[in-house]
Amino acid sequence: MEKTLTVQAEASKRNLLMFLLPSLAGILLFMTPVSYNGDLTIMIAVLAKSLQALLSDWLTAIVTVLITLSALLSLFTTLFKPALVTRSLFLNTLFNVRPVWLVSRLLGAAFVLMVFTQSGPELLYSGDTGGLVLNDLLPVLFAVFIFAGLLLPLLLDFGLLEFVGTLLTGLMRPVFRLPGRSAVDCMASWLGDGSVGILLTSKQYEGHHYTQREAAVIGTTFSAVSITFSLVVLAQVKLEHMFVQFYLAVCLAGIVAAIVVPRLPPLCWKKDTFINGEPRPANDENTPAGYSRLGHGYALALARAGKVKSMGQVARTGVHNALDMLFGVLPVVMAFGTLALVIAETTPLFTWLGLPFVPLLELLQIPEAAAASETIVVGFADMFIPAILATSIESDMTRFVIAALSVTQLIYMSEVGALLLGSKIPVNIVELFVIFLLRTLVTLPVIALIAHLVF
C-alpha cells in the first residue's frame, strides 16, 4: 500500500512538472510580449526574424525547392501510390492529397519556378504579384512555420489549453459560442502572427478539440492581425501618431464582428461535429460535482500532461507539424496568393465590387467615398493593398477608416485566406469571400463611428 502511494505521489509530481515547465515555456515563447528593435512582438517572431536574417540569401531558393518538391512528390504519390508513402500515416497524409490540393500544389510550383527564374509571363513574376508572394511573404511564413511547428506542442500537449479553456469557458461559450481554449489562439495571433493562430486552430481541430463550426469560426474570426503589422499599416497611411485610437477601433470592431458574423451564414451553417463526424458530448465542458472550475482545469491539465510518455514523442510531433505546414501550406499560399494579386492588379474586378459600398460610405459621412470604395474589396487579395491605395486620399479620417477596416477584414488571400484553404479547417474560397464581405459590413459602421469621434 505504501509503495503504491509513493508511486502515485511520484506520478503526480511528474505530471505537475510536465504541466508547469513546458506550459510556462510555451507562454513565454508564444504569448509574452517582448520589445525587439523597437517593436512589440513575441519570442517566436523574434526567432523567425533571426532565422530570416541568417538565411536571407538562401530563403527564396529554399522555399522554391520545398514547393517544387511538394508538387512532384504529391504527383508521384497520386500516380504510382508507392508503398513507402502509403504505409506511413504521416507521409500518406502529406503527399496523397485530393485532386484540388494536387492542382494547387502543381500551380504553386509552376508560379514559384516562374518567379525564381524570372521566366514566363511578366504578369505572374512581377514584384506586384508572384514576386511579392515569393520574395516578401513566403520567407516570413517559412521561418514562422519552422519555429511555430516545432514548438507548438508546448501549448498543445502539456495541459495548458485544458487549464485555460476550463477557466475561460464561462466567458467564451456564452459570448462567442466557442470553447475557452480558443482564447489562446486569439492571444497567439494578436501578439505574434495570424499564421500561428491558424496553425494552432488547425491542429486543435485535427485533435478533436474543436468542432467544424468552432474551427471555422476561430480560423476566420480569432486569427487576429498582430500589433506589429497593425503599426506597419498605420505607418503606410501616415497616421502613426493615432495608434491608440486606431487600435481601439480595431479591437472594438473585431469584438463586434466576433459576436455577430459567426451567428450568420455560412459560419452558422457549419456542423457542430468533430472532424470524425461525432458531436461534442453534452457534458463536455461541465464542471464535475465537488470541483471548482479552477480545480477541474488543474485536474484536466495534469491528466493531459500525464499522457506524454517521452520528449522524443513531443519532438516528433513538432517535426510533423513543421513539415505539414512547409509542404502542405506554402504551395497553396503561392498559388492562391499569386492568382488573387494578378486579379487585383490587372482587372477592375475589385473596383466594380467596391461600387456598392459608395452609398454606405456616403451614409456614414466618410469623405472621398468613391476613392475609398475602391480600396474596400481589394483587401481580399492582400491586406496591405488598401493602405497603399489610400495614400493618394487627402482626408485623414478616410485613411484612418481604410487602414482600420483592412485590419479587421482579416481574410486576405495572399496569406490568411490561403493558409485557411491549405489547412484542415472546413472552409472554401466562396465562403471566405462571403465572410470577408460580412466582416466588412459589420465592422465599417463601428470604425466610422470611432473615426467621427476622434476627428
Protein backbone atom coordinates (compact mmCIF):
# COMPACT_ATOMS: atom_id res chain seq x y z
CA MET A 1 0.00 0.00 0.00
CA GLU A 2 2.80 2.40 0.95
CA LYS A 3 4.65 1.56 -2.25
CA THR A 4 1.51 2.30 -4.30
CA LEU A 5 1.06 5.68 -2.60
CA THR A 6 4.73 6.52 -3.27
CA VAL A 7 4.34 5.65 -6.96
CA GLN A 8 1.17 7.76 -7.18
CA ALA A 9 2.88 10.71 -5.48
CA GLU A 10 5.83 10.48 -7.88
CA ALA A 11 3.48 10.27 -10.85
CA SER A 12 1.54 13.28 -9.59
CA LYS A 13 4.76 15.25 -9.11
CA ARG A 14 5.95 14.26 -12.59
CA ASN A 15 2.63 15.33 -14.13
CA LEU A 16 2.77 18.65 -12.29
CA LEU A 17 6.26 19.37 -13.62
CA MET A 18 5.26 18.18 -17.10
CA PHE A 19 2.35 20.61 -16.99
CA LEU A 20 4.15 23.61 -15.50
CA LEU A 21 7.56 23.72 -17.18
CA PRO A 22 6.61 23.20 -20.87
CA SER A 23 3.45 25.33 -20.47
CA LEU A 24 5.43 28.21 -18.98
CA ALA A 25 7.92 27.88 -21.82
CA GLY A 26 5.03 27.97 -24.31
CA ILE A 27 3.58 31.10 -22.67
CA LEU A 28 6.98 32.81 -22.79
CA LEU A 29 7.52 31.88 -26.45
CA PHE A 30 4.03 32.42 -27.88
CA MET A 31 2.15 34.80 -25.60
CA THR A 32 4.57 37.05 -23.70
CA PRO A 33 5.16 40.48 -25.32
CA VAL A 34 8.80 41.42 -25.82
CA SER A 35 10.42 44.50 -27.32
CA TYR A 36 12.55 43.79 -30.39
CA ASN A 37 14.11 46.56 -32.49
CA GLY A 38 11.58 48.98 -31.03
CA ASP A 39 8.57 46.79 -31.91
CA LEU A 40 6.27 44.85 -29.60
CA THR A 41 6.30 41.19 -30.59
CA ILE A 42 6.70 37.63 -29.23
CA MET A 43 9.75 35.37 -28.99
CA ILE A 44 8.57 33.07 -31.79
CA ALA A 45 8.53 36.08 -34.13
CA VAL A 46 12.00 37.11 -32.91
CA LEU A 47 13.35 33.61 -33.60
CA ALA A 48 11.70 33.64 -37.02
CA LYS A 49 13.23 37.03 -37.88
CA SER A 50 16.64 35.82 -36.71
CA LEU A 51 16.37 32.77 -38.99
CA GLN A 52 15.32 35.03 -41.86
CA ALA A 53 18.39 37.21 -41.30
CA LEU A 54 20.66 34.16 -41.10
CA LEU A 55 19.31 32.61 -44.32
CA SER A 56 18.43 35.84 -46.13
CA ASP A 57 20.46 34.98 -49.24
CA TRP A 58 19.04 31.48 -49.49
CA LEU A 59 15.42 31.70 -48.37
CA THR A 60 13.76 32.18 -51.75
CA ALA A 61 15.76 29.23 -53.14
CA ILE A 62 14.84 27.05 -50.15
CA VAL A 63 11.15 27.93 -50.49
CA THR A 64 11.26 27.27 -54.24
CA VAL A 65 12.78 23.83 -53.67
CA LEU A 66 10.22 22.95 -50.96
CA ILE A 67 7.22 23.95 -53.10
CA THR A 68 8.59 22.13 -56.15
CA LEU A 69 9.32 19.01 -54.09
CA SER A 70 5.82 19.11 -52.60
CA ALA A 71 4.26 19.21 -56.08
CA LEU A 72 6.49 16.46 -57.54
CA LEU A 73 6.11 14.09 -54.58
CA SER A 74 2.34 14.65 -54.50
CA LEU A 75 2.06 13.97 -58.24
CA PHE A 76 4.27 10.84 -57.96
CA THR A 77 2.24 9.55 -54.99
CA THR A 78 -1.08 10.20 -56.73
CA LEU A 79 0.02 8.40 -59.91
CA PHE A 80 2.01 5.44 -58.53
CA LYS A 81 0.93 5.01 -54.86
CA PRO A 82 4.40 3.93 -53.64
CA ALA A 83 4.31 1.63 -50.60
CA LEU A 84 6.90 3.76 -48.77
CA VAL A 85 4.37 6.60 -48.68
CA THR A 86 1.06 4.73 -48.39
CA ARG A 87 2.25 2.63 -45.43
CA SER A 88 3.26 5.72 -43.47
CA LEU A 89 0.31 7.58 -41.94
CA PHE A 90 2.22 10.87 -41.91
CA LEU A 91 3.69 10.65 -45.45
CA ASN A 92 0.37 9.44 -46.85
CA THR A 93 -1.46 12.38 -45.24
CA LEU A 94 1.20 14.78 -46.51
CA PHE A 95 1.51 13.68 -50.15
CA ASN A 96 -1.55 11.56 -51.02
CA VAL A 97 -3.87 14.56 -51.37
CA ARG A 98 -7.23 15.23 -53.00
CA PRO A 99 -7.24 16.41 -56.66
CA VAL A 100 -7.98 20.06 -55.74
CA TRP A 101 -4.90 20.22 -53.49
CA LEU A 102 -2.77 18.41 -56.06
CA VAL A 103 -3.72 21.05 -58.65
CA SER A 104 -2.99 23.80 -56.10
CA ARG A 105 0.47 22.38 -55.40
CA LEU A 106 1.26 21.99 -59.10
CA LEU A 107 0.07 25.54 -59.75
CA GLY A 108 2.11 26.83 -56.82
CA ALA A 109 5.21 25.04 -58.14
CA ALA A 110 4.70 26.47 -61.64
CA PHE A 111 4.33 30.01 -60.26
CA VAL A 112 7.30 29.74 -57.89
CA LEU A 113 9.59 28.46 -60.65
CA MET A 114 8.50 31.28 -62.97
CA VAL A 115 9.21 33.87 -60.29
CA PHE A 116 12.52 32.34 -59.22
CA THR A 117 13.82 32.06 -62.81
CA GLN A 118 12.10 35.27 -64.00
CA SER A 119 10.58 33.37 -66.92
CA GLY A 120 7.12 33.11 -68.44
CA PRO A 121 4.58 35.97 -68.42
CA GLU A 122 5.88 39.02 -66.52
CA LEU A 123 2.37 39.38 -65.15
CA LEU A 124 2.99 36.31 -62.96
CA TYR A 125 6.52 37.04 -61.74
CA SER A 126 6.42 40.82 -61.29
CA GLY A 127 7.08 42.39 -57.90
CA ASP A 128 3.38 43.23 -57.53
CA THR A 129 2.12 39.65 -57.97
CA GLY A 130 4.12 36.39 -57.71
CA GLY A 131 7.31 38.27 -56.85
CA LEU A 132 5.59 39.83 -53.84
CA VAL A 133 4.40 36.44 -52.58
CA LEU A 134 7.75 34.63 -53.06
CA ASN A 135 10.15 37.37 -52.01
CA ASP A 136 8.20 39.13 -49.26
CA LEU A 137 5.63 36.73 -47.81
CA LEU A 138 6.87 33.14 -48.13
CA PRO A 139 10.26 33.69 -46.43
CA VAL A 140 8.39 35.09 -43.42
CA LEU A 141 5.97 32.15 -43.38
CA PHE A 142 8.83 29.65 -43.79
CA ALA A 143 10.60 30.97 -40.72
CA VAL A 144 7.38 31.19 -38.67
CA PHE A 145 6.35 27.65 -39.65
CA ILE A 146 9.71 26.21 -38.63
CA PHE A 147 9.60 27.54 -35.08
CA ALA A 148 5.83 27.56 -34.56
CA GLY A 149 5.54 23.99 -35.86
CA LEU A 150 8.41 22.68 -33.74
CA LEU A 151 7.37 24.48 -30.56
CA LEU A 152 3.54 24.32 -30.75
CA PRO A 153 3.49 21.10 -28.68
CA LEU A 154 4.45 23.27 -25.70
CA LEU A 155 0.98 24.85 -25.95
CA LEU A 156 -0.89 21.78 -27.17
CA ASP A 157 0.43 18.71 -25.42
CA PHE A 158 1.11 19.54 -21.77
CA GLY A 159 -2.25 20.70 -20.42
CA LEU A 160 -2.15 24.48 -20.87
CA LEU A 161 -5.17 24.58 -23.19
CA GLU A 162 -7.14 22.30 -20.88
CA PHE A 163 -6.38 24.61 -17.94
CA VAL A 164 -7.05 27.93 -19.71
CA GLY A 165 -10.01 26.51 -21.61
CA THR A 166 -11.78 25.39 -18.45
CA LEU A 167 -11.27 28.77 -16.78
CA LEU A 168 -12.49 30.81 -19.77
CA THR A 169 -15.38 28.64 -20.91
CA GLY A 170 -17.75 30.79 -18.81
CA LEU A 171 -16.82 33.81 -20.96
CA MET A 172 -16.12 32.33 -24.40
CA ARG A 173 -19.11 29.96 -24.60
CA PRO A 174 -21.98 32.43 -23.90
CA VAL A 175 -20.44 35.42 -25.71
CA PHE A 176 -18.75 33.78 -28.71
CA ARG A 177 -20.24 30.24 -28.61
CA LEU A 178 -16.70 28.84 -28.51
CA PRO A 179 -14.61 26.73 -26.10
CA GLY A 180 -12.48 28.65 -23.61
CA ARG A 181 -9.27 27.34 -25.19
CA SER A 182 -9.96 29.46 -28.30
CA ALA A 183 -8.78 32.49 -26.30
CA VAL A 184 -5.23 31.11 -26.57
CA ASP A 185 -5.48 31.06 -30.39
CA CYS A 186 -6.51 34.71 -30.38
CA MET A 187 -3.73 35.73 -27.99
CA ALA A 188 -1.07 33.95 -30.07
CA SER A 189 -2.31 35.73 -33.22
CA TRP A 190 -2.71 39.13 -31.58
CA LEU A 191 0.76 39.19 -30.07
CA GLY A 192 2.55 37.27 -32.80
CA ASP A 193 1.11 36.40 -36.19
CA GLY A 194 -2.21 35.28 -37.65
CA SER A 195 -0.48 32.28 -39.24
CA VAL A 196 0.42 30.99 -35.76
CA GLY A 197 -3.24 31.19 -34.73
CA ILE A 198 -4.38 29.31 -37.84
CA LEU A 199 -1.77 26.58 -37.31
CA LEU A 200 -2.86 26.25 -33.68
CA THR A 201 -6.55 26.12 -34.65
CA SER A 202 -5.96 23.53 -37.37
CA LYS A 203 -4.04 21.24 -35.03
CA GLN A 204 -6.75 21.59 -32.36
CA TYR A 205 -9.40 20.70 -34.96
CA GLU A 206 -7.44 17.65 -36.10
CA GLY A 207 -7.06 16.66 -32.44
CA HIS A 208 -10.87 16.62 -31.91
CA HIS A 209 -10.87 19.66 -29.60
CA TYR A 210 -12.87 21.90 -31.97
CA THR A 211 -15.96 21.02 -33.99
CA GLN A 212 -16.22 22.01 -37.67
CA ARG A 213 -18.19 25.14 -36.76
CA GLU A 214 -15.81 26.11 -33.97
CA ALA A 215 -12.70 25.62 -36.12
CA ALA A 216 -14.21 27.64 -38.99
CA VAL A 217 -15.28 30.45 -36.64
CA ILE A 218 -11.94 30.61 -34.81
CA GLY A 219 -9.90 30.46 -38.03
CA THR A 220 -11.88 33.27 -39.68
CA THR A 221 -12.56 35.38 -36.57
CA PHE A 222 -9.83 34.94 -33.98
CA SER A 223 -6.69 34.72 -36.15
CA ALA A 224 -6.26 38.40 -35.47
CA VAL A 225 -3.71 40.68 -37.11
CA SER A 226 -0.65 41.22 -34.95
CA ILE A 227 0.06 44.53 -33.22
CA THR A 228 3.29 44.81 -35.23
CA PHE A 229 1.59 44.54 -38.62
CA SER A 230 -1.12 46.95 -37.50
CA LEU A 231 1.62 49.50 -36.89
CA VAL A 232 3.01 48.89 -40.40
CA VAL A 233 -0.43 49.51 -41.95
CA LEU A 234 -0.91 52.68 -39.91
CA ALA A 235 2.53 53.96 -40.88
CA GLN A 236 1.66 53.45 -44.56
CA VAL A 237 -1.28 55.87 -44.26
CA LYS A 238 0.90 58.31 -42.24
CA LEU A 239 -1.19 58.25 -39.05
CA GLU A 240 1.31 56.66 -36.62
CA HIS A 241 0.52 59.33 -34.04
CA MET A 242 -3.03 57.95 -33.75
CA PHE A 243 -2.13 54.37 -32.83
CA VAL A 244 -4.15 54.31 -29.59
CA GLN A 245 -7.36 55.49 -31.29
CA PHE A 246 -6.65 53.23 -34.27
CA TYR A 247 -6.13 50.08 -32.22
CA LEU A 248 -9.15 50.88 -30.05
CA ALA A 249 -11.25 50.99 -33.24
CA VAL A 250 -9.71 47.71 -34.46
CA CYS A 251 -10.33 45.90 -31.16
CA LEU A 252 -13.91 47.17 -30.72
CA ALA A 253 -14.84 46.39 -34.34
CA GLY A 254 -13.18 42.98 -34.07
CA ILE A 255 -15.18 42.08 -30.94
CA VAL A 256 -18.46 43.14 -32.58
CA ALA A 257 -17.60 41.06 -35.67
CA ALA A 258 -16.67 38.07 -33.48
CA ILE A 259 -20.12 38.21 -31.86
CA VAL A 260 -22.21 38.89 -34.98
CA VAL A 261 -20.58 37.18 -38.01
CA PRO A 262 -20.45 33.62 -36.57
CA ARG A 263 -24.21 33.80 -35.99
CA LEU A 264 -24.78 34.42 -39.73
CA PRO A 265 -24.40 32.07 -42.72
CA PRO A 266 -22.13 30.47 -43.79
CA LEU A 267 -20.49 30.03 -40.38
CA CYS A 268 -23.74 29.26 -38.51
CA TRP A 269 -24.45 26.53 -41.10
CA LYS A 270 -21.30 24.59 -40.20
CA LYS A 271 -21.89 21.29 -38.44
CA ASP A 272 -21.18 21.13 -34.71
CA THR A 273 -19.38 17.82 -35.14
CA PHE A 274 -15.72 16.92 -34.83
CA ILE A 275 -13.51 16.05 -37.80
CA ASN A 276 -14.60 12.40 -37.46
CA GLY A 277 -18.31 13.33 -37.60
CA GLU A 278 -19.03 12.81 -33.89
CA PRO A 279 -20.87 15.56 -31.91
CA ARG A 280 -19.39 17.23 -28.85
CA PRO A 281 -20.62 15.38 -25.71
CA ALA A 282 -23.34 17.31 -23.88
CA ASN A 283 -21.39 17.38 -20.60
CA ASP A 284 -18.01 18.03 -22.23
CA GLU A 285 -17.50 21.43 -20.62
CA ASN A 286 -19.42 20.90 -17.39
CA THR A 287 -17.59 21.22 -14.08
CA PRO A 288 -18.00 17.92 -12.16
CA ALA A 289 -19.60 17.94 -8.72
CA GLY A 290 -17.10 18.58 -5.96
CA TYR A 291 -14.76 20.60 -8.22
CA SER A 292 -14.33 24.31 -8.67
CA ARG A 293 -13.66 25.49 -12.19
CA LEU A 294 -10.02 26.11 -11.24
CA GLY A 295 -9.69 22.67 -9.65
CA HIS A 296 -11.29 20.96 -12.65
CA GLY A 297 -8.98 22.77 -15.06
CA TYR A 298 -5.96 21.81 -12.96
CA ALA A 299 -7.05 18.13 -12.90
CA LEU A 300 -7.56 18.08 -16.68
CA ALA A 301 -4.16 19.71 -17.22
CA LEU A 302 -2.38 17.10 -15.09
CA ALA A 303 -4.22 14.30 -16.88
CA ARG A 304 -3.17 15.69 -20.27
CA ALA A 305 0.44 16.11 -19.15
CA GLY A 306 0.42 12.51 -17.90
CA LYS A 307 -0.25 11.27 -21.44
CA VAL A 308 3.18 12.48 -22.59
CA LYS A 309 5.39 9.41 -22.46
CA SER A 310 8.65 10.90 -23.73
CA MET A 311 10.08 14.15 -25.07
CA GLY A 312 11.05 12.24 -28.21
CA GLN A 313 7.35 11.77 -28.91
CA VAL A 314 6.82 15.51 -28.49
CA ALA A 315 9.77 16.30 -30.78
CA ARG A 316 8.36 14.02 -33.50
CA THR A 317 5.01 15.81 -33.24
CA GLY A 318 6.77 19.16 -33.64
CA VAL A 319 8.69 17.99 -36.70
CA HIS A 320 5.46 16.65 -38.23
CA ASN A 321 3.74 20.00 -37.59
CA ALA A 322 6.54 21.93 -39.29
CA LEU A 323 6.75 19.62 -42.33
CA ASP A 324 2.97 19.61 -42.69
CA MET A 325 2.96 23.41 -42.96
CA LEU A 326 6.04 23.66 -45.19
CA PHE A 327 4.96 21.04 -47.73
CA GLY A 328 1.19 21.49 -47.41
CA VAL A 329 0.61 25.21 -46.95
CA LEU A 330 3.45 27.07 -48.73
CA PRO A 331 2.40 25.82 -52.22
CA VAL A 332 -1.24 26.81 -51.60
CA VAL A 333 -0.22 30.30 -50.45
CA MET A 334 1.92 30.69 -53.57
CA ALA A 335 -0.91 29.56 -55.87
CA PHE A 336 -3.86 31.45 -54.37
CA GLY A 337 -1.84 34.50 -53.33
CA THR A 338 -0.44 34.98 -56.82
CA LEU A 339 -3.82 34.50 -58.53
CA ALA A 340 -5.54 36.97 -56.19
CA LEU A 341 -2.86 39.62 -56.73
CA VAL A 342 -2.95 39.13 -60.52
CA ILE A 343 -6.72 39.74 -60.46
CA ALA A 344 -6.26 42.81 -58.25
CA GLU A 345 -3.50 44.28 -60.42
CA THR A 346 -4.84 43.58 -63.90
CA THR A 347 -8.63 43.72 -63.75
CA PRO A 348 -11.19 46.25 -62.46
CA LEU A 349 -12.99 43.43 -60.63
CA PHE A 350 -12.32 44.72 -57.11
CA THR A 351 -13.16 48.29 -58.19
CA TRP A 352 -16.51 47.08 -59.53
CA LEU A 353 -17.15 45.08 -56.38
CA GLY A 354 -16.43 48.20 -54.32
CA LEU A 355 -19.03 50.36 -56.10
CA PRO A 356 -21.99 49.15 -53.95
CA PHE A 357 -20.14 50.46 -50.89
CA VAL A 358 -20.22 54.09 -52.13
CA PRO A 359 -23.77 54.76 -50.83
CA LEU A 360 -22.88 53.17 -47.47
CA LEU A 361 -19.73 55.28 -47.15
CA GLU A 362 -21.72 58.40 -48.04
CA LEU A 363 -24.39 57.45 -45.49
CA LEU A 364 -21.63 57.11 -42.87
CA GLN A 365 -20.35 60.56 -43.98
CA ILE A 366 -16.89 59.33 -44.94
CA PRO A 367 -15.11 61.93 -47.16
CA GLU A 368 -13.94 60.89 -50.67
CA ALA A 369 -16.35 57.94 -50.64
CA ALA A 370 -15.75 56.96 -54.29
CA ALA A 371 -11.97 56.71 -53.81
CA ALA A 372 -12.43 54.85 -50.52
CA SER A 373 -14.79 52.32 -52.11
CA GLU A 374 -12.03 51.18 -54.50
CA THR A 375 -9.92 50.06 -51.52
CA ILE A 376 -12.59 48.06 -49.67
CA VAL A 377 -12.87 44.78 -51.57
CA VAL A 378 -9.27 44.75 -52.84
CA GLY A 379 -8.30 43.84 -49.27
CA PHE A 380 -9.47 40.30 -50.07
CA ALA A 381 -6.40 39.93 -52.28
CA ASP A 382 -3.89 41.41 -49.84
CA MET A 383 -4.29 43.36 -46.61
CA PHE A 384 -1.62 45.89 -47.48
CA ILE A 385 -3.06 46.97 -50.85
CA PRO A 386 -5.85 49.18 -49.34
CA ALA A 387 -3.27 51.11 -47.30
CA ILE A 388 -1.13 51.59 -50.42
CA LEU A 389 -4.11 52.86 -52.45
CA ALA A 390 -5.20 55.11 -49.57
CA THR A 391 -2.00 57.18 -49.67
CA SER A 392 -3.49 59.26 -52.51
CA ILE A 393 -6.55 60.16 -50.40
CA GLU A 394 -6.33 63.57 -48.71
CA SER A 395 -8.76 63.06 -45.82
CA ASP A 396 -7.11 61.81 -42.61
CA MET A 397 -10.45 60.41 -41.48
CA THR A 398 -10.88 58.36 -44.65
CA ARG A 399 -7.32 56.99 -44.46
CA PHE A 400 -7.97 56.10 -40.80
CA VAL A 401 -11.15 54.20 -41.73
CA ILE A 402 -9.48 52.37 -44.63
CA ALA A 403 -6.49 51.32 -42.50
CA ALA A 404 -8.64 50.07 -39.62
CA LEU A 405 -11.05 48.30 -41.98
CA SER A 406 -8.22 46.50 -43.82
CA VAL A 407 -7.01 45.09 -40.49
CA THR A 408 -10.45 43.99 -39.23
CA GLN A 409 -11.47 42.39 -42.55
CA LEU A 410 -8.92 39.75 -41.56
CA ILE A 411 -9.25 37.41 -44.54
CA TYR A 412 -6.85 38.14 -47.39
CA MET A 413 -5.77 35.60 -49.96
CA SER A 414 -2.07 36.41 -50.01
CA GLU A 415 -1.75 34.90 -46.51
CA VAL A 416 -4.63 34.19 -44.11
CA GLY A 417 -7.10 33.05 -46.79
CA ALA A 418 -4.57 30.79 -48.48
CA LEU A 419 -3.45 29.41 -45.10
CA LEU A 420 -7.06 28.57 -44.21
CA LEU A 421 -7.57 26.83 -47.57
CA GLY A 422 -4.35 24.87 -47.10
CA SER A 423 -5.28 23.75 -43.58
CA LYS A 424 -7.81 21.15 -42.48
CA ILE A 425 -10.21 23.88 -41.30
CA PRO A 426 -13.51 23.30 -43.20
CA VAL A 427 -13.91 26.46 -45.31
CA ASN A 428 -13.79 27.05 -49.08
CA ILE A 429 -12.89 30.13 -51.11
CA VAL A 430 -16.52 31.18 -51.73
CA GLU A 431 -17.30 31.01 -48.01
CA LEU A 432 -14.16 33.02 -47.24
CA PHE A 433 -15.26 35.79 -49.62
CA VAL A 434 -18.75 35.89 -48.08
CA ILE A 435 -17.23 36.05 -44.57
CA PHE A 436 -14.90 38.83 -45.77
CA LEU A 437 -17.90 40.85 -47.01
CA LEU A 438 -19.84 40.23 -43.80
CA ARG A 439 -16.90 41.36 -41.68
CA THR A 440 -16.66 44.48 -43.84
CA LEU A 441 -20.35 45.33 -43.42
CA VAL A 442 -20.27 44.72 -39.65
CA THR A 443 -17.02 46.49 -38.82
CA LEU A 444 -17.29 49.51 -41.15
CA PRO A 445 -20.03 51.33 -39.15
CA VAL A 446 -18.16 50.73 -35.86
CA ILE A 447 -14.92 52.11 -37.31
CA ALA A 448 -16.75 55.06 -38.89
CA LEU A 449 -18.38 55.90 -35.54
CA ILE A 450 -15.00 55.97 -33.79
CA ALA A 451 -13.48 57.97 -36.67
CA HIS A 452 -16.16 60.64 -36.23
CA LEU A 453 -15.45 60.76 -32.50
CA VAL A 454 -11.68 61.26 -32.91
CA PHE A 455 -11.64 63.60 -35.95
